[in-house]
Protein backbone atom coordinates (compact mmCIF):
# COMPACT_ATOMS: atom_id res chain seq x y z
CA MET A 1 6.02 77.97 -49.03
CA ASN A 2 3.18 78.15 -51.55
CA LYS A 3 2.51 74.42 -51.57
CA GLU A 4 -1.18 73.63 -51.94
CA LEU A 5 -2.71 71.67 -49.10
CA ASN A 6 -4.65 68.51 -49.84
CA VAL A 7 -6.74 67.92 -46.70
CA GLN A 8 -8.74 64.69 -46.46
CA ILE A 9 -11.05 63.47 -43.70
CA GLU A 10 -11.78 59.76 -43.45
CA ARG A 11 -12.47 57.15 -40.81
CA TYR A 12 -9.28 56.18 -39.01
CA LYS A 13 -8.64 52.52 -39.77
CA TYR A 14 -11.33 50.34 -38.18
CA THR A 15 -12.28 52.65 -35.31
CA ARG A 16 -15.00 55.16 -34.56
CA PHE A 17 -12.48 58.01 -34.81
CA TRP A 18 -11.77 60.37 -37.71
CA GLY A 19 -8.37 60.93 -39.28
CA VAL A 20 -7.24 64.19 -40.85
CA TRP A 21 -4.60 63.75 -43.54
CA VAL A 22 -2.64 66.60 -45.09
CA ASN A 23 -0.77 65.78 -48.30
CA GLU A 24 -1.01 62.02 -47.59
CA GLU A 25 0.40 62.38 -44.04
CA LEU A 26 -1.70 61.82 -40.92
CA LEU A 27 -2.05 65.08 -39.00
CA ALA A 28 -4.65 64.28 -36.33
CA VAL A 29 -7.07 61.66 -35.06
CA VAL A 30 -10.19 63.13 -33.49
CA CYS A 31 -13.35 61.78 -31.90
CA TYR A 32 -15.90 63.79 -33.86
CA ARG A 33 -16.19 64.69 -37.52
CA LYS A 34 -17.07 68.24 -36.46
CA GLY A 35 -13.59 68.54 -34.93
CA ALA A 36 -12.01 67.19 -38.10
CA ASN A 37 -13.92 69.76 -40.15
CA ALA A 38 -12.74 72.51 -37.78
CA ILE A 39 -9.13 71.44 -38.32
CA ARG A 40 -9.66 71.46 -42.08
CA SER A 41 -11.19 74.96 -42.05
CA ILE A 42 -8.34 76.26 -39.90
CA LEU A 43 -5.76 74.82 -42.29
CA LEU A 44 -7.44 75.93 -45.50
CA ASN A 45 -8.93 79.28 -44.49
CA GLY A 46 -6.56 80.40 -41.76
CA GLU A 47 -9.50 81.02 -39.41
CA PHE A 48 -7.59 80.13 -36.25
CA ASP A 49 -7.33 83.75 -35.07
CA ASN A 50 -11.09 84.25 -35.48
CA TYR A 51 -11.76 81.00 -33.60
CA LYS A 52 -9.53 82.03 -30.68
CA ASP A 53 -11.17 85.45 -30.44
CA LYS A 54 -14.65 83.93 -30.46
CA LYS A 55 -13.69 81.34 -27.84
CA ASN A 56 -12.05 83.90 -25.54
CA SER A 57 -15.02 86.26 -25.75
CA LEU A 58 -17.33 83.53 -24.42
CA GLN A 59 -15.21 82.79 -21.34
CA LYS A 60 -15.76 84.74 -18.15
CA PRO A 61 -12.70 85.91 -16.22
CA ILE A 62 -11.84 83.94 -13.10
CA PRO A 63 -11.94 86.16 -9.99
CA GLY A 64 -8.57 86.55 -8.33
CA PRO A 65 -7.87 86.39 -4.59
CA GLU A 66 -7.86 90.19 -4.33
CA GLU A 67 -11.46 90.43 -5.54
CA LYS A 68 -14.04 90.27 -2.75
CA HIS A 69 -17.22 88.27 -2.93
CA SER A 70 -20.47 90.13 -2.70
CA GLY A 71 -22.53 89.45 0.38
CA SER A 72 -21.19 88.31 3.72
CA LYS A 73 -17.57 88.71 4.78
CA ASP A 74 -17.04 85.01 5.37
CA VAL A 75 -18.13 82.84 2.45
CA PHE A 76 -17.67 79.65 4.43
CA LEU A 77 -20.29 80.64 7.00
CA LYS A 78 -22.93 80.66 4.25
CA LYS A 79 -22.23 77.03 3.41
CA GLY A 80 -22.34 75.84 7.00
CA VAL A 81 -18.62 75.27 7.44
CA PRO A 82 -17.56 76.42 10.93
CA SER A 83 -14.90 79.11 11.04
CA ILE A 84 -12.12 79.33 13.60
CA VAL A 85 -12.34 82.49 15.69
């Protein structure tokens, strides 16, 4: 599959959105031109793996239920919510 990609970015019809066409077929309609350019760079340069790694490195892990909060034993008491004893 060595077909060359022809990626074009233009306004989508008479809207404020951007269309991304690949080989004369509509691939995506996005709100921002920056997003359309990101799609084009992913298609042409194969940078999707680098993008995912960069995105995942910026996210903080969500604490699970087994992890304890620092500070008091009952988190709800800090916020003024009465606990049932």
